[in-house]
Amino acid sequence: MIIHPSHSRKDLIEVCEVFNIEIEDMYDVPKAKLVAEMVLILSYVDYIEPEDEFYFIQDIDELIDYLTEPNQEKLLTITQREKIIQDARDLVFYCKNGFQLLPKFNDVEEVKNTALSIQPHGDISTVRRALALLKDDNKIKPVILPKMSKKVQRLLEKKETIRKSHIVKFNVKKGKVLVEFD
């Protein structure tokens, strides 16, 4: 088994924490040693606890497949990521300026093509924001929704539940009140 190099040291430590893979001094060792230790441990482990929160991995074979494949979050190069973010910013500009095509776009088809090109990269927050603002444009039908990994979806759901639980509500109680002064 060979762990794909696109998985960062931080990602590997997170995998170790989630799946209870105990490596001595895993927070202090370099990535190469961490990879070697993980390969050694995973070669003789038969069972891991299924994880349905972020990784959606049920057994050891799925974990090995996940680690040998390229990291889905790291597939973009820096220049590709910057281009996607710039396209998303152009869409935000288009939406904030009352859906006026000029100066960023020439026609509605170009807007739609730009939105479709950034749609698969919904893990980037700017893309999610641009596509959420684009929902209000009546010229773009059907609505283009961002595609996100299950991990990001879960994180956003958790943030939303925390946000909703901290909303202060105004309560009005009706009835008679007795006020006494001494």
N, C-alpha and C. Protein backbone atom coordinates (compact mmCIF):
# COMPACT_ATOMS: atom_id res chain seq x y z
N MET A 1 0.85 -1.19 0.00
CA MET A 1 0.00 0.00 0.00
C MET A 1 0.89 1.24 0.00
N ILE A 2 0.53 2.22 -0.82
CA ILE A 2 1.25 3.49 -0.90
C ILE A 2 0.24 4.60 -0.69
N ILE A 3 0.48 5.45 0.30
CA ILE A 3 -0.40 6.59 0.56
C ILE A 3 -0.07 7.67 -0.46
N HIS A 4 -1.10 8.18 -1.12
CA HIS A 4 -0.90 9.19 -2.16
C HIS A 4 -0.31 10.46 -1.56
N PRO A 5 0.68 11.06 -2.22
CA PRO A 5 1.35 12.25 -1.66
C PRO A 5 0.47 13.50 -1.56
N SER A 6 -0.72 13.49 -2.17
CA SER A 6 -1.58 14.67 -2.08
C SER A 6 -2.20 14.82 -0.70
N HIS A 7 -2.15 13.77 0.13
CA HIS A 7 -2.64 13.87 1.49
C HIS A 7 -1.58 14.57 2.34
N SER A 8 -1.96 15.67 2.96
CA SER A 8 -1.00 16.42 3.76
C SER A 8 -0.79 15.75 5.12
N ARG A 9 0.22 16.19 5.81
CA ARG A 9 0.51 15.67 7.15
C ARG A 9 -0.67 15.92 8.07
N LYS A 10 -1.25 17.11 7.97
CA LYS A 10 -2.42 17.46 8.79
C LYS A 10 -3.60 16.52 8.49
N ASP A 11 -3.82 16.20 7.20
CA ASP A 11 -4.89 15.28 6.83
C ASP A 11 -4.65 13.89 7.41
N LEU A 12 -3.41 13.44 7.36
CA LEU A 12 -3.09 12.11 7.88
C LEU A 12 -3.27 12.05 9.40
N ILE A 13 -2.90 13.12 10.09
CA ILE A 13 -3.11 13.16 11.54
C ILE A 13 -4.59 13.13 11.85
N GLU A 14 -5.39 13.85 11.07
CA GLU A 14 -6.84 13.84 11.27
C GLU A 14 -7.42 12.44 11.04
N VAL A 15 -6.94 11.74 10.02
CA VAL A 15 -7.38 10.37 9.78
C VAL A 15 -7.02 9.47 10.96
N CYS A 16 -5.82 9.64 11.48
CA CYS A 16 -5.40 8.85 12.65
C CYS A 16 -6.30 9.13 13.85
N GLU A 17 -6.65 10.38 14.07
CA GLU A 17 -7.51 10.73 15.19
C GLU A 17 -8.91 10.17 15.02
N VAL A 18 -9.47 10.29 13.83
CA VAL A 18 -10.84 9.85 13.59
C VAL A 18 -10.97 8.34 13.69
N PHE A 19 -10.00 7.61 13.14
CA PHE A 19 -10.09 6.16 13.10
C PHE A 19 -9.29 5.48 14.21
N ASN A 20 -8.86 6.24 15.20
CA ASN A 20 -8.14 5.70 16.37
C ASN A 20 -6.92 4.89 15.98
N ILE A 21 -6.14 5.42 15.07
CA ILE A 21 -4.87 4.80 14.69
C ILE A 21 -3.80 5.44 15.56
N GLU A 22 -3.25 4.65 16.46
CA GLU A 22 -2.31 5.20 17.44
C GLU A 22 -0.88 5.09 16.93
N ILE A 23 -0.29 6.25 16.73
CA ILE A 23 1.11 6.35 16.30
C ILE A 23 1.83 7.20 17.33
N GLU A 24 2.93 6.68 17.81
CA GLU A 24 3.68 7.38 18.85
C GLU A 24 4.24 8.70 18.30
N ASP A 25 3.99 9.78 19.00
CA ASP A 25 4.46 11.12 18.63
C ASP A 25 4.01 11.54 17.24
N MET A 26 2.78 11.22 16.87
CA MET A 26 2.32 11.53 15.51
C MET A 26 2.26 13.04 15.26
N TYR A 27 2.15 13.83 16.31
CA TYR A 27 2.10 15.29 16.14
C TYR A 27 3.49 15.89 15.94
N ASP A 28 4.53 15.12 16.25
CA ASP A 28 5.89 15.65 16.19
C ASP A 28 6.73 15.08 15.06
N VAL A 29 6.28 13.98 14.45
CA VAL A 29 7.10 13.35 13.42
C VAL A 29 6.86 13.99 12.06
N PRO A 30 7.85 13.94 11.17
CA PRO A 30 7.64 14.47 9.81
C PRO A 30 6.69 13.58 9.01
N LYS A 31 6.22 14.10 7.90
CA LYS A 31 5.22 13.40 7.10
C LYS A 31 5.72 12.04 6.63
N ALA A 32 6.97 11.95 6.20
CA ALA A 32 7.50 10.69 5.67
C ALA A 32 7.44 9.58 6.72
N LYS A 33 7.81 9.91 7.94
CA LYS A 33 7.77 8.90 9.00
C LYS A 33 6.33 8.56 9.37
N LEU A 34 5.46 9.57 9.36
CA LEU A 34 4.05 9.33 9.65
C LEU A 34 3.43 8.40 8.62
N VAL A 35 3.76 8.61 7.35
CA VAL A 35 3.25 7.75 6.28
C VAL A 35 3.76 6.32 6.46
N ALA A 36 5.04 6.18 6.77
CA ALA A 36 5.61 4.84 6.96
C ALA A 36 4.93 4.11 8.12
N GLU A 37 4.71 4.82 9.21
CA GLU A 37 4.05 4.21 10.37
C GLU A 37 2.61 3.82 10.05
N MET A 38 1.89 4.70 9.32
CA MET A 38 0.50 4.39 8.97
C MET A 38 0.42 3.17 8.06
N VAL A 39 1.32 3.08 7.09
CA VAL A 39 1.32 1.92 6.19
C VAL A 39 1.58 0.64 6.98
N LEU A 40 2.52 0.70 7.91
CA LEU A 40 2.84 -0.46 8.74
C LEU A 40 1.64 -0.88 9.59
N ILE A 41 1.01 0.07 10.23
CA ILE A 41 -0.13 -0.24 11.10
C ILE A 41 -1.32 -0.74 10.29
N LEU A 42 -1.61 -0.07 9.17
CA LEU A 42 -2.77 -0.47 8.37
C LEU A 42 -2.57 -1.83 7.68
N SER A 43 -1.33 -2.27 7.56
CA SER A 43 -1.09 -3.56 6.93
C SER A 43 -1.53 -4.72 7.82
N TYR A 44 -1.54 -4.53 9.14
CA TYR A 44 -1.97 -5.63 10.00
C TYR A 44 -3.29 -5.37 10.74
N VAL A 45 -3.93 -4.23 10.51
CA VAL A 45 -5.24 -3.95 11.12
C VAL A 45 -6.33 -4.58 10.26
N ASP A 46 -7.27 -5.27 10.92
CA ASP A 46 -8.36 -5.92 10.19
C ASP A 46 -9.66 -5.14 10.28
N TYR A 47 -9.82 -4.34 11.33
CA TYR A 47 -11.12 -3.70 11.57
C TYR A 47 -10.91 -2.27 12.06
N ILE A 48 -11.74 -1.36 11.55
CA ILE A 48 -11.80 0.00 12.07
C ILE A 48 -13.26 0.34 12.33
N GLU A 49 -13.49 1.29 13.19
CA GLU A 49 -14.84 1.75 13.46
C GLU A 49 -15.37 2.49 12.25
N PRO A 50 -16.57 2.19 11.79
CA PRO A 50 -17.15 2.96 10.68
C PRO A 50 -17.33 4.42 11.07
N GLU A 51 -17.16 5.31 10.11
CA GLU A 51 -17.26 6.73 10.38
C GLU A 51 -18.25 7.33 9.38
N ASP A 52 -19.34 7.89 9.91
CA ASP A 52 -20.39 8.44 9.06
C ASP A 52 -20.53 9.95 9.21
N GLU A 53 -19.57 10.59 9.84
CA GLU A 53 -19.65 12.02 10.08
C GLU A 53 -19.03 12.83 8.93
N PHE A 54 -17.77 12.53 8.58
CA PHE A 54 -17.08 13.30 7.56
C PHE A 54 -16.57 12.45 6.39
N TYR A 55 -15.96 11.33 6.70
CA TYR A 55 -15.31 10.54 5.66
C TYR A 55 -16.24 9.51 5.02
N PHE A 56 -17.25 9.05 5.73
CA PHE A 56 -18.20 8.06 5.25
C PHE A 56 -17.48 6.78 4.81
N ILE A 57 -16.58 6.32 5.68
CA ILE A 57 -15.81 5.10 5.43
C ILE A 57 -16.31 4.03 6.39
N GLN A 58 -16.60 2.85 5.86
CA GLN A 58 -17.21 1.79 6.65
C GLN A 58 -16.24 0.71 7.11
N ASP A 59 -15.17 0.44 6.33
CA ASP A 59 -14.25 -0.62 6.71
C ASP A 59 -12.81 -0.27 6.30
N ILE A 60 -11.90 -1.18 6.63
CA ILE A 60 -10.48 -0.92 6.39
C ILE A 60 -10.16 -0.81 4.91
N ASP A 61 -10.86 -1.57 4.07
CA ASP A 61 -10.60 -1.51 2.63
C ASP A 61 -10.96 -0.14 2.05
N GLU A 62 -12.07 0.44 2.51
CA GLU A 62 -12.44 1.78 2.05
C GLU A 62 -11.45 2.83 2.51
N LEU A 63 -10.92 2.66 3.73
CA LEU A 63 -9.90 3.59 4.24
C LEU A 63 -8.63 3.51 3.40
N ILE A 64 -8.22 2.30 3.07
CA ILE A 64 -7.02 2.13 2.25
C ILE A 64 -7.25 2.72 0.86
N ASP A 65 -8.43 2.52 0.29
CA ASP A 65 -8.75 3.12 -1.01
C ASP A 65 -8.71 4.64 -0.93
N TYR A 66 -9.24 5.19 0.16
CA TYR A 66 -9.24 6.65 0.34
C TYR A 66 -7.81 7.19 0.40
N LEU A 67 -6.94 6.48 1.11
CA LEU A 67 -5.56 6.96 1.28
C LEU A 67 -4.71 6.75 0.03
N THR A 68 -5.01 5.74 -0.78
CA THR A 68 -4.20 5.50 -1.98
C THR A 68 -4.64 6.39 -3.15
N GLU A 69 -5.88 6.88 -3.11
CA GLU A 69 -6.37 7.78 -4.16
C GLU A 69 -5.93 9.21 -3.85
N PRO A 70 -5.88 10.09 -4.87
CA PRO A 70 -5.54 11.50 -4.61
C PRO A 70 -6.59 12.15 -3.71
N ASN A 71 -6.15 13.06 -2.89
CA ASN A 71 -7.04 13.79 -2.00
C ASN A 71 -7.96 14.68 -2.84
N GLN A 72 -9.26 14.48 -2.71
CA GLN A 72 -10.22 15.22 -3.53
C GLN A 72 -10.17 16.73 -3.26
N GLU A 73 -9.80 17.11 -2.07
CA GLU A 73 -9.74 18.52 -1.72
C GLU A 73 -8.52 19.21 -2.31
N LYS A 74 -7.53 18.44 -2.72
CA LYS A 74 -6.27 19.02 -3.17
C LYS A 74 -6.03 18.81 -4.67
N LEU A 75 -7.08 18.56 -5.44
CA LEU A 75 -6.92 18.28 -6.86
C LEU A 75 -6.57 19.52 -7.68
N LEU A 76 -6.91 20.69 -7.20
CA LEU A 76 -6.65 21.92 -7.96
C LEU A 76 -5.25 22.45 -7.69
N THR A 77 -4.62 22.96 -8.75
CA THR A 77 -3.37 23.66 -8.55
C THR A 77 -3.70 25.07 -8.06
N ILE A 78 -2.72 25.78 -7.63
CA ILE A 78 -2.94 27.13 -7.11
C ILE A 78 -3.50 28.04 -8.19
N THR A 79 -2.97 27.94 -9.40
CA THR A 79 -3.46 28.80 -10.48
C THR A 79 -4.89 28.46 -10.86
N GLN A 80 -5.24 27.18 -10.87
CA GLN A 80 -6.62 26.79 -11.18
C GLN A 80 -7.57 27.31 -10.10
N ARG A 81 -7.15 27.17 -8.85
CA ARG A 81 -7.98 27.65 -7.74
C ARG A 81 -8.17 29.16 -7.82
N GLU A 82 -7.11 29.89 -8.13
CA GLU A 82 -7.22 31.34 -8.24
C GLU A 82 -8.15 31.74 -9.38
N LYS A 83 -8.11 31.01 -10.49
CA LYS A 83 -9.00 31.31 -11.62
C LYS A 83 -10.46 31.06 -11.22
N ILE A 84 -10.71 29.98 -10.52
CA ILE A 84 -12.08 29.67 -10.08
C ILE A 84 -12.58 30.75 -9.13
N ILE A 85 -11.73 31.18 -8.21
CA ILE A 85 -12.12 32.22 -7.26
C ILE A 85 -12.37 33.54 -8.00
N GLN A 86 -11.53 33.85 -9.00
CA GLN A 86 -11.73 35.09 -9.76
C GLN A 86 -13.04 35.04 -10.54
N ASP A 87 -13.35 33.89 -11.14
CA ASP A 87 -14.63 33.74 -11.84
C ASP A 87 -15.80 33.92 -10.87
N ALA A 88 -15.67 33.36 -9.68
CA ALA A 88 -16.72 33.50 -8.68
C ALA A 88 -16.87 34.96 -8.25
N ARG A 89 -15.75 35.65 -8.11
CA ARG A 89 -15.80 37.08 -7.75
C ARG A 89 -16.47 37.90 -8.86
N ASP A 90 -16.21 37.53 -10.11
CA ASP A 90 -16.87 38.22 -11.23
C ASP A 90 -18.38 38.01 -11.16
N LEU A 91 -18.80 36.80 -10.81
CA LEU A 91 -20.24 36.53 -10.67
C LEU A 91 -20.84 37.32 -9.51
N VAL A 92 -20.10 37.42 -8.40
CA VAL A 92 -20.57 38.21 -7.26
C VAL A 92 -20.72 39.67 -7.68
N PHE A 93 -19.75 40.20 -8.41
CA PHE A 93 -19.81 41.57 -8.91
C PHE A 93 -21.04 41.76 -9.80
N TYR A 94 -21.28 40.79 -10.68
CA TYR A 94 -22.44 40.82 -11.57
C TYR A 94 -23.73 40.86 -10.75
N CYS A 95 -23.82 40.06 -9.72
CA CYS A 95 -25.04 40.00 -8.90
C CYS A 95 -25.22 41.27 -8.06
N LYS A 96 -24.14 41.77 -7.49
CA LYS A 96 -24.21 42.95 -6.63
C LYS A 96 -24.56 44.21 -7.41
N ASN A 97 -24.26 44.23 -8.70
CA ASN A 97 -24.54 45.40 -9.53
C ASN A 97 -25.84 45.25 -10.30
N GLY A 98 -26.79 44.59 -9.71
CA GLY A 98 -28.12 44.51 -10.31
C GLY A 98 -28.20 43.67 -11.55
N PHE A 99 -27.35 42.65 -11.66
CA PHE A 99 -27.34 41.72 -12.78
C PHE A 99 -27.09 42.43 -14.12
N GLN A 100 -26.21 43.44 -14.07
CA GLN A 100 -25.79 44.15 -15.28
C GLN A 100 -24.64 43.38 -15.92
N LEU A 101 -24.73 43.08 -17.18
CA LEU A 101 -23.71 42.26 -17.84
C LEU A 101 -22.36 42.96 -17.95
N LEU A 102 -22.36 44.19 -18.41
CA LEU A 102 -21.09 44.89 -18.59
C LEU A 102 -20.58 45.40 -17.26
N PRO A 103 -19.34 45.44 -16.98
CA PRO A 103 -18.15 45.25 -17.78
C PRO A 103 -17.58 43.82 -17.74
N LYS A 104 -18.12 42.94 -16.91
CA LYS A 104 -17.51 41.61 -16.74
C LYS A 104 -17.94 40.60 -17.79
N PHE A 105 -19.18 40.66 -18.24
CA PHE A 105 -19.70 39.65 -19.16
C PHE A 105 -20.31 40.31 -20.39
N ASN A 106 -20.38 39.53 -21.47
CA ASN A 106 -20.95 40.05 -22.72
C ASN A 106 -22.40 39.64 -22.92
N ASP A 107 -22.75 38.43 -22.47
CA ASP A 107 -24.13 37.98 -22.62
C ASP A 107 -24.48 37.00 -21.49
N VAL A 108 -25.76 36.65 -21.41
CA VAL A 108 -26.25 35.78 -20.34
C VAL A 108 -25.65 34.38 -20.47
N GLU A 109 -25.41 33.94 -21.66
CA GLU A 109 -24.82 32.61 -21.88
C GLU A 109 -23.43 32.52 -21.27
N GLU A 110 -22.67 33.60 -21.35
CA GLU A 110 -21.33 33.64 -20.74
C GLU A 110 -21.43 33.56 -19.22
N VAL A 111 -22.42 34.22 -18.65
CA VAL A 111 -22.65 34.15 -17.20
C VAL A 111 -22.98 32.71 -16.81
N LYS A 112 -23.87 32.09 -17.56
CA LYS A 112 -24.29 30.72 -17.26
C LYS A 112 -23.11 29.75 -17.40
N ASN A 113 -22.29 29.91 -18.44
CA ASN A 113 -21.12 29.04 -18.62
C ASN A 113 -20.10 29.21 -17.50
N THR A 114 -19.92 30.44 -17.05
CA THR A 114 -19.01 30.69 -15.93
C THR A 114 -19.52 30.02 -14.67
N ALA A 115 -20.82 30.14 -14.42
CA ALA A 115 -21.42 29.50 -13.24
C ALA A 115 -21.29 27.98 -13.32
N LEU A 116 -21.50 27.42 -14.49
CA LEU A 116 -21.38 25.96 -14.65
C LEU A 116 -19.94 25.50 -14.51
N SER A 117 -18.98 26.35 -14.89
CA SER A 117 -17.57 25.96 -14.77
C SER A 117 -17.10 25.95 -13.32
N ILE A 118 -17.68 26.80 -12.47
CA ILE A 118 -17.25 26.82 -11.07
C ILE A 118 -18.12 25.92 -10.19
N GLN A 119 -19.22 25.44 -10.70
CA GLN A 119 -20.16 24.63 -9.92
C GLN A 119 -19.52 23.41 -9.24
N PRO A 120 -18.64 22.64 -9.88
CA PRO A 120 -18.08 21.46 -9.22
C PRO A 120 -17.17 21.77 -8.03
N HIS A 121 -16.84 23.03 -7.84
CA HIS A 121 -15.89 23.40 -6.79
C HIS A 121 -16.60 24.10 -5.63
N GLY A 122 -17.71 23.52 -5.20
CA GLY A 122 -18.52 24.11 -4.13
C GLY A 122 -17.88 24.09 -2.76
N ASP A 123 -16.76 23.39 -2.61
CA ASP A 123 -16.07 23.41 -1.32
C ASP A 123 -15.41 24.76 -1.07
N ILE A 124 -15.22 25.55 -2.12
CA ILE A 124 -14.65 26.90 -1.98
C ILE A 124 -15.79 27.85 -1.62
N SER A 125 -15.61 28.59 -0.54
CA SER A 125 -16.70 29.43 -0.02
C SER A 125 -17.12 30.52 -1.01
N THR A 126 -16.19 31.07 -1.76
CA THR A 126 -16.53 32.12 -2.73
C THR A 126 -17.45 31.59 -3.83
N VAL A 127 -17.25 30.34 -4.21
CA VAL A 127 -18.11 29.71 -5.22
C VAL A 127 -19.52 29.55 -4.66
N ARG A 128 -19.62 29.11 -3.41
CA ARG A 128 -20.95 28.95 -2.79
C ARG A 128 -21.66 30.29 -2.71
N ARG A 129 -20.94 31.34 -2.36
CA ARG A 129 -21.54 32.67 -2.25
C ARG A 129 -22.01 33.17 -3.61
N ALA A 130 -21.17 33.00 -4.63
CA ALA A 130 -21.53 33.48 -5.97
C ALA A 130 -22.77 32.76 -6.49
N LEU A 131 -22.83 31.45 -6.32
CA LEU A 131 -23.98 30.71 -6.83
C LEU A 131 -25.24 30.98 -6.00
N ALA A 132 -25.06 31.29 -4.72
CA ALA A 132 -26.23 31.66 -3.90
C ALA A 132 -26.80 33.00 -4.35
N LEU A 133 -25.93 33.95 -4.66
CA LEU A 133 -26.40 35.25 -5.16
C LEU A 133 -27.00 35.13 -6.55
N LEU A 134 -26.49 34.21 -7.35
CA LEU A 134 -26.97 34.04 -8.72
C LEU A 134 -28.38 33.44 -8.77
N LYS A 135 -28.81 32.84 -7.66
CA LYS A 135 -30.17 32.28 -7.61
C LYS A 135 -31.23 33.35 -7.86
N ASP A 136 -30.93 34.59 -7.49
CA ASP A 136 -31.90 35.67 -7.62
C ASP A 136 -32.02 36.20 -9.05
N ASP A 137 -31.14 35.77 -9.95
CA ASP A 137 -31.19 36.23 -11.34
C ASP A 137 -32.25 35.44 -12.09
N ASN A 138 -33.26 36.13 -12.57
CA ASN A 138 -34.36 35.47 -13.28
C ASN A 138 -33.96 34.98 -14.67
N LYS A 139 -32.83 35.49 -15.20
CA LYS A 139 -32.40 35.09 -16.54
C LYS A 139 -31.71 33.73 -16.55
N ILE A 140 -31.24 33.28 -15.39
CA ILE A 140 -30.52 32.01 -15.29
C ILE A 140 -31.48 30.95 -14.77
N LYS A 141 -31.96 30.10 -15.64
CA LYS A 141 -32.85 29.00 -15.28
C LYS A 141 -32.33 27.74 -15.91
N PRO A 142 -32.30 26.63 -15.24
CA PRO A 142 -32.62 26.37 -13.85
C PRO A 142 -31.53 26.90 -12.92
N VAL A 143 -31.82 26.95 -11.65
CA VAL A 143 -30.88 27.44 -10.64
C VAL A 143 -29.67 26.50 -10.60
N ILE A 144 -28.49 27.08 -10.54
CA ILE A 144 -27.24 26.30 -10.50
C ILE A 144 -26.79 26.21 -9.04
N LEU A 145 -26.75 24.98 -8.53
CA LEU A 145 -26.36 24.74 -7.15
C LEU A 145 -24.92 24.22 -7.09
N PRO A 146 -24.14 24.62 -6.07
CA PRO A 146 -22.76 24.16 -5.97
C PRO A 146 -22.71 22.69 -5.56
N LYS A 147 -21.71 21.98 -6.07
CA LYS A 147 -21.48 20.59 -5.67
C LYS A 147 -20.42 20.59 -4.59
N MET A 148 -20.77 20.02 -3.44
CA MET A 148 -19.85 20.03 -2.31
C MET A 148 -19.58 18.60 -1.84
N SER A 149 -18.44 18.42 -1.19
CA SER A 149 -18.15 17.14 -0.59
C SER A 149 -19.03 16.97 0.65
N LYS A 150 -19.22 15.74 1.05
CA LYS A 150 -20.07 15.47 2.21
C LYS A 150 -19.48 16.07 3.48
N LYS A 151 -18.17 16.14 3.53
CA LYS A 151 -17.49 16.71 4.69
C LYS A 151 -17.85 18.19 4.85
N VAL A 152 -17.80 18.94 3.75
CA VAL A 152 -18.14 20.36 3.80
C VAL A 152 -19.63 20.54 4.09
N GLN A 153 -20.47 19.68 3.52
CA GLN A 153 -21.91 19.76 3.81
C GLN A 153 -22.17 19.59 5.29
N ARG A 154 -21.52 18.62 5.91
CA ARG A 154 -21.70 18.39 7.35
C ARG A 154 -21.22 19.59 8.16
N LEU A 155 -20.07 20.14 7.80
CA LEU A 155 -19.56 21.31 8.53
C LEU A 155 -20.53 22.49 8.42
N LEU A 156 -21.08 22.71 7.24
CA LEU A 156 -22.04 23.81 7.05
C LEU A 156 -23.32 23.55 7.83
N GLU A 157 -23.78 22.30 7.87
CA GLU A 157 -24.97 21.97 8.64
C GLU A 157 -24.74 22.23 10.13
N LYS A 158 -23.56 21.85 10.63
CA LYS A 158 -23.25 22.09 12.04
C LYS A 158 -23.21 23.59 12.34
N LYS A 159 -22.58 24.37 11.45
CA LYS A 159 -22.54 25.82 11.65
C LYS A 159 -23.94 26.41 11.68
N GLU A 160 -24.80 25.92 10.80
CA GLU A 160 -26.17 26.44 10.73
C GLU A 160 -26.96 26.10 11.99
N THR A 161 -26.80 24.90 12.52
CA THR A 161 -27.51 24.55 13.75
C THR A 161 -26.99 25.37 14.93
N ILE A 162 -25.69 25.62 14.96
CA ILE A 162 -25.13 26.46 16.03
C ILE A 162 -25.66 27.88 15.90
N ARG A 163 -25.71 28.39 14.68
CA ARG A 163 -26.21 29.74 14.45
C ARG A 163 -27.67 29.86 14.88
N LYS A 164 -28.46 28.87 14.52
CA LYS A 164 -29.88 28.91 14.88
C LYS A 164 -30.10 28.78 16.38
N SER A 165 -29.24 28.05 17.06
CA SER A 165 -29.41 27.89 18.51
C SER A 165 -29.02 29.15 19.28
N HIS A 166 -28.26 30.04 18.66
CA HIS A 166 -27.81 31.26 19.34
C HIS A 166 -28.63 32.49 18.96
N ILE A 167 -29.69 32.31 18.21
CA ILE A 167 -30.53 33.44 17.84
C ILE A 167 -31.38 33.83 19.05
N VAL A 168 -31.31 35.10 19.41
CA VAL A 168 -32.09 35.60 20.54
C VAL A 168 -33.52 35.86 20.05
N LYS A 169 -34.45 35.35 20.80
CA LYS A 169 -35.84 35.49 20.41
C LYS A 169 -36.56 36.42 21.37
N PHE A 170 -37.47 37.17 20.83
CA PHE A 170 -38.27 38.08 21.63
C PHE A 170 -39.53 37.36 22.07
N ASN A 171 -39.73 37.27 23.38
CA ASN A 171 -40.91 36.59 23.91
C ASN A 171 -41.85 37.60 24.52
N VAL A 172 -43.12 37.50 24.19
CA VAL A 172 -44.15 38.36 24.75
C VAL A 172 -45.08 37.48 25.57
N LYS A 173 -45.25 37.87 26.82
CA LYS A 173 -46.17 37.13 27.69
C LYS A 173 -47.33 38.05 28.02
N LYS A 174 -48.51 37.58 27.80
CA LYS A 174 -49.71 38.37 28.07
C LYS A 174 -50.31 37.91 29.39
N GLY A 175 -50.89 38.86 30.05
CA GLY A 175 -51.54 38.54 31.33
C GLY A 175 -51.51 39.75 32.25
N LYS A 176 -52.04 39.56 33.44
CA LYS A 176 -52.06 40.63 34.44
C LYS A 176 -50.75 40.67 35.18
N VAL A 177 -50.31 41.90 35.47
CA VAL A 177 -49.07 42.10 36.20
C VAL A 177 -49.38 42.98 37.40
N LEU A 178 -48.90 42.58 38.55
CA LEU A 178 -49.10 43.35 39.78
C LEU A 178 -47.79 44.03 40.12
N VAL A 179 -47.83 45.37 40.18
CA VAL A 179 -46.65 46.14 40.53
C VAL A 179 -46.92 46.81 41.86
N GLU A 180 -46.05 46.58 42.85
CA GLU A 180 -46.19 47.19 44.17
C GLU A 180 -45.01 48.09 44.44
N PHE A 181 -45.30 49.26 45.07
CA PHE A 181 -44.25 50.19 45.46
C PHE A 181 -44.23 50.28 46.96
N ASP A 182 -43.05 50.25 47.54
CA ASP A 182 -42.92 50.37 49.01
C ASP A 182 -42.74 51.78 49.44
